[in-house]
């Protein structure tokens, strides 16, 4: 069965790699600002690559829940925050709170 014209008009395509990478960079940049700590650019870049890779591995689920920021923040807490906190040597709870404040979830 073919979807209606209205359903096709409002269906969004998956974001391209550039959009995902830029979104990850922006979200982590905002998180760092809320943490209020200095992080060397090398560590920030590693965290961006890690975060983007995790998003690529779960793109279908993330795309399906794109309108639910709370659910996406919960996903980030469970799947990304521990590795980023270890990489940046920051408290995981503070990192999760800063991300949630920056992301809006």
C-alpha atoms as a PDB file:
ATOM      1  CA  UNK A   1       0.000   0.000   0.000  1.00  0.00           C
ATOM      2  CA  UNK A   2       1.372   3.377  -1.008  1.00  0.00           C
ATOM      3  CA  UNK A   3       1.521   6.091   1.689  1.00  0.00           C
ATOM      4  CA  UNK A   4      -0.626   9.165   1.183  1.00  0.00           C
ATOM      5  CA  UNK A   5       0.833  12.369  -0.233  1.00  0.00           C
ATOM      6  CA  UNK A   6       0.577  14.061   3.175  1.00  0.00           C
ATOM      7  CA  UNK A   7       2.479  11.222   4.857  1.00  0.00           C
ATOM      8  CA  UNK A   8       5.216  11.400   2.224  1.00  0.00           C
ATOM      9  CA  UNK A   9       5.480  15.187   2.586  1.00  0.00           C
ATOM     10  CA  UNK A  10       6.070  14.967   6.349  1.00  0.00           C
ATOM     11  CA  UNK A  11       8.319  11.914   6.336  1.00  0.00           C
ATOM     12  CA  UNK A  12      11.904  12.963   6.902  1.00  0.00           C
ATOM     13  CA  UNK A  13      14.932  11.268   5.446  1.00  0.00           C
ATOM     14  CA  UNK A  14      17.899  10.133   7.474  1.00  0.00           C
ATOM     15  CA  UNK A  15      20.405  12.924   8.101  1.00  0.00           C
ATOM     16  CA  UNK A  16      23.623  12.778   6.141  1.00  0.00           C
ATOM     17  CA  UNK A  17      27.014  12.172   7.756  1.00  0.00           C
ATOM     18  CA  UNK A  18      27.928  15.867   7.763  1.00  0.00           C
ATOM     19  CA  UNK A  19      24.750  16.837   9.650  1.00  0.00           C
ATOM     20  CA  UNK A  20      25.310  14.114  12.228  1.00  0.00           C
ATOM     21  CA  UNK A  21      28.934  15.105  12.771  1.00  0.00           C
ATOM     22  CA  UNK A  22      28.054  18.810  13.137  1.00  0.00           C
ATOM     23  CA  UNK A  23      25.183  18.044  15.523  1.00  0.00           C
ATOM     24  CA  UNK A  24      27.489  15.946  17.709  1.00  0.00           C
ATOM     25  CA  UNK A  25      30.104  18.716  17.715  1.00  0.00           C
ATOM     26  CA  UNK A  26      27.535  21.355  18.673  1.00  0.00           C
ATOM     27  CA  UNK A  27      25.991  19.246  21.437  1.00  0.00           C
ATOM     28  CA  UNK A  28      29.370  18.508  23.006  1.00  0.00           C
ATOM     29  CA  UNK A  29      30.460  22.154  22.665  1.00  0.00           C
ATOM     30  CA  UNK A  30      27.368  23.274  24.572  1.00  0.00           C
ATOM     31  CA  UNK A  31      27.966  20.557  27.165  1.00  0.00           C
ATOM     32  CA  UNK A  32      31.553  21.720  27.734  1.00  0.00           C
ATOM     33  CA  UNK A  33      30.356  25.303  28.219  1.00  0.00           C
ATOM     34  CA  UNK A  34      27.925  24.134  30.890  1.00  0.00           C
ATOM     35  CA  UNK A  35      30.601  22.043  32.611  1.00  0.00           C
ATOM     36  CA  UNK A  36      32.814  25.105  32.901  1.00  0.00           C
ATOM     37  CA  UNK A  37      36.084  23.194  32.516  1.00  0.00           C
ATOM     38  CA  UNK A  38      38.953  23.466  30.073  1.00  0.00           C
ATOM     39  CA  UNK A  39      39.410  20.457  27.811  1.00  0.00           C
ATOM     40  CA  UNK A  40      42.277  20.098  25.351  1.00  0.00           C
ATOM     41  CA  UNK A  41      41.135  20.158  21.705  1.00  0.00           C
ATOM     42  CA  UNK A  42      42.488  16.626  21.191  1.00  0.00           C
ATOM     43  CA  UNK A  43      40.194  15.203  23.869  1.00  0.00           C
ATOM     44  CA  UNK A  44      37.224  17.126  22.505  1.00  0.00           C
ATOM     45  CA  UNK A  45      37.894  15.790  19.007  1.00  0.00           C
ATOM     46  CA  UNK A  46      38.163  12.211  20.293  1.00  0.00           C
ATOM     47  CA  UNK A  47      34.858  12.585  22.148  1.00  0.00           C
ATOM     48  CA  UNK A  48      33.185  14.001  19.011  1.00  0.00           C
ATOM     49  CA  UNK A  49      34.384  11.019  16.964  1.00  0.00           C
ATOM     50  CA  UNK A  50      33.219   8.589  19.647  1.00  0.00           C
ATOM     51  CA  UNK A  51      29.806  10.237  19.926  1.00  0.00           C
ATOM     52  CA  UNK A  52      29.314  10.388  16.146  1.00  0.00           C
ATOM     53  CA  UNK A  53      30.283   6.717  15.799  1.00  0.00           C
ATOM     54  CA  UNK A  54      27.725   5.720  18.446  1.00  0.00           C
ATOM     55  CA  UNK A  55      25.066   7.776  16.654  1.00  0.00           C
ATOM     56  CA  UNK A  56      25.891   6.100  13.326  1.00  0.00           C
ATOM     57  CA  UNK A  57      25.580   2.655  14.952  1.00  0.00           C
ATOM     58  CA  UNK A  58      22.123   3.530  16.302  1.00  0.00           C
ATOM     59  CA  UNK A  59      20.886   5.867  13.560  1.00  0.00           C
ATOM     60  CA  UNK A  60      17.604   4.070  12.934  1.00  0.00           C
ATOM     61  CA  UNK A  61      16.506   4.200  16.582  1.00  0.00           C
ATOM     62  CA  UNK A  62      17.683   7.790  16.971  1.00  0.00           C
ATOM     63  CA  UNK A  63      15.858   8.838  13.798  1.00  0.00           C
ATOM     64  CA  UNK A  64      12.630   7.171  14.965  1.00  0.00           C
ATOM     65  CA  UNK A  65      12.789   9.052  18.287  1.00  0.00           C
ATOM     66  CA  UNK A  66      14.140  12.350  16.961  1.00  0.00           C
ATOM     67  CA  UNK A  67      11.266  14.366  18.428  1.00  0.00           C
ATOM     68  CA  UNK A  68      11.713  12.987  21.971  1.00  0.00           C
ATOM     69  CA  UNK A  69      14.654  14.836  23.527  1.00  0.00           C
ATOM     70  CA  UNK A  70      14.197  13.190  26.928  1.00  0.00           C
ATOM     71  CA  UNK A  71      14.468   9.718  25.418  1.00  0.00           C
ATOM     72  CA  UNK A  72      17.516  10.751  23.371  1.00  0.00           C
ATOM     73  CA  UNK A  73      19.157  12.203  26.494  1.00  0.00           C
ATOM     74  CA  UNK A  74      18.483   8.936  28.313  1.00  0.00           C
ATOM     75  CA  UNK A  75      20.112   7.066  25.397  1.00  0.00           C
ATOM     76  CA  UNK A  76      23.149   9.360  25.629  1.00  0.00           C
ATOM     77  CA  UNK A  77      23.396   8.788  29.390  1.00  0.00           C
ATOM     78  CA  UNK A  78      23.363   5.003  28.922  1.00  0.00           C
ATOM     79  CA  UNK A  79      25.486   4.634  25.781  1.00  0.00           C
ATOM     80  CA  UNK A  80      27.896   7.554  25.503  1.00  0.00           C
ATOM     81  CA  UNK A  81      28.363   9.383  28.803  1.00  0.00           C
ATOM     82  CA  UNK A  82      30.556   6.810  30.580  1.00  0.00           C
ATOM     83  CA  UNK A  83      33.164   6.752  27.818  1.00  0.00           C
ATOM     84  CA  UNK A  84      33.187  10.531  27.397  1.00  0.00           C
ATOM     85  CA  UNK A  85      33.436  11.080  31.167  1.00  0.00           C
ATOM     86  CA  UNK A  86      36.421   8.703  31.331  1.00  0.00           C
ATOM     87  CA  UNK A  87      38.055  10.380  28.336  1.00  0.00           C
ATOM     88  CA  UNK A  88      37.581  13.863  29.750  1.00  0.00           C
ATOM     89  CA  UNK A  89      38.244  12.808  33.358  1.00  0.00           C
ATOM     90  CA  UNK A  90      35.067  14.476  34.658  1.00  0.00           C
ATOM     91  CA  UNK A  91      32.293  13.282  36.946  1.00  0.00           C
ATOM     92  CA  UNK A  92      29.759  11.304  34.936  1.00  0.00           C
ATOM     93  CA  UNK A  93      26.739  12.692  36.804  1.00  0.00           C
ATOM     94  CA  UNK A  94      27.847  16.288  36.178  1.00  0.00           C
ATOM     95  CA  UNK A  95      28.496  15.447  32.528  1.00  0.00           C
ATOM     96  CA  UNK A  96      25.032  13.899  32.124  1.00  0.00           C
ATOM     97  CA  UNK A  97      23.382  16.918  33.740  1.00  0.00           C
ATOM     98  CA  UNK A  98      25.380  19.327  31.566  1.00  0.00           C
ATOM     99  CA  UNK A  99      24.475  17.369  28.426  1.00  0.00           C
ATOM    100  CA  UNK A 100      20.803  17.261  29.360  1.00  0.00           C
ATOM    101  CA  UNK A 101      20.801  21.021  30.004  1.00  0.00           C
ATOM    102  CA  UNK A 102      22.559  21.672  26.696  1.00  0.00           C
ATOM    103  CA  UNK A 103      20.475  19.231  24.664  1.00  0.00           C
ATOM    104  CA  UNK A 104      17.128  20.127  26.149  1.00  0.00           C
ATOM    105  CA  UNK A 105      16.103  16.719  27.443  1.00  0.00           C
END
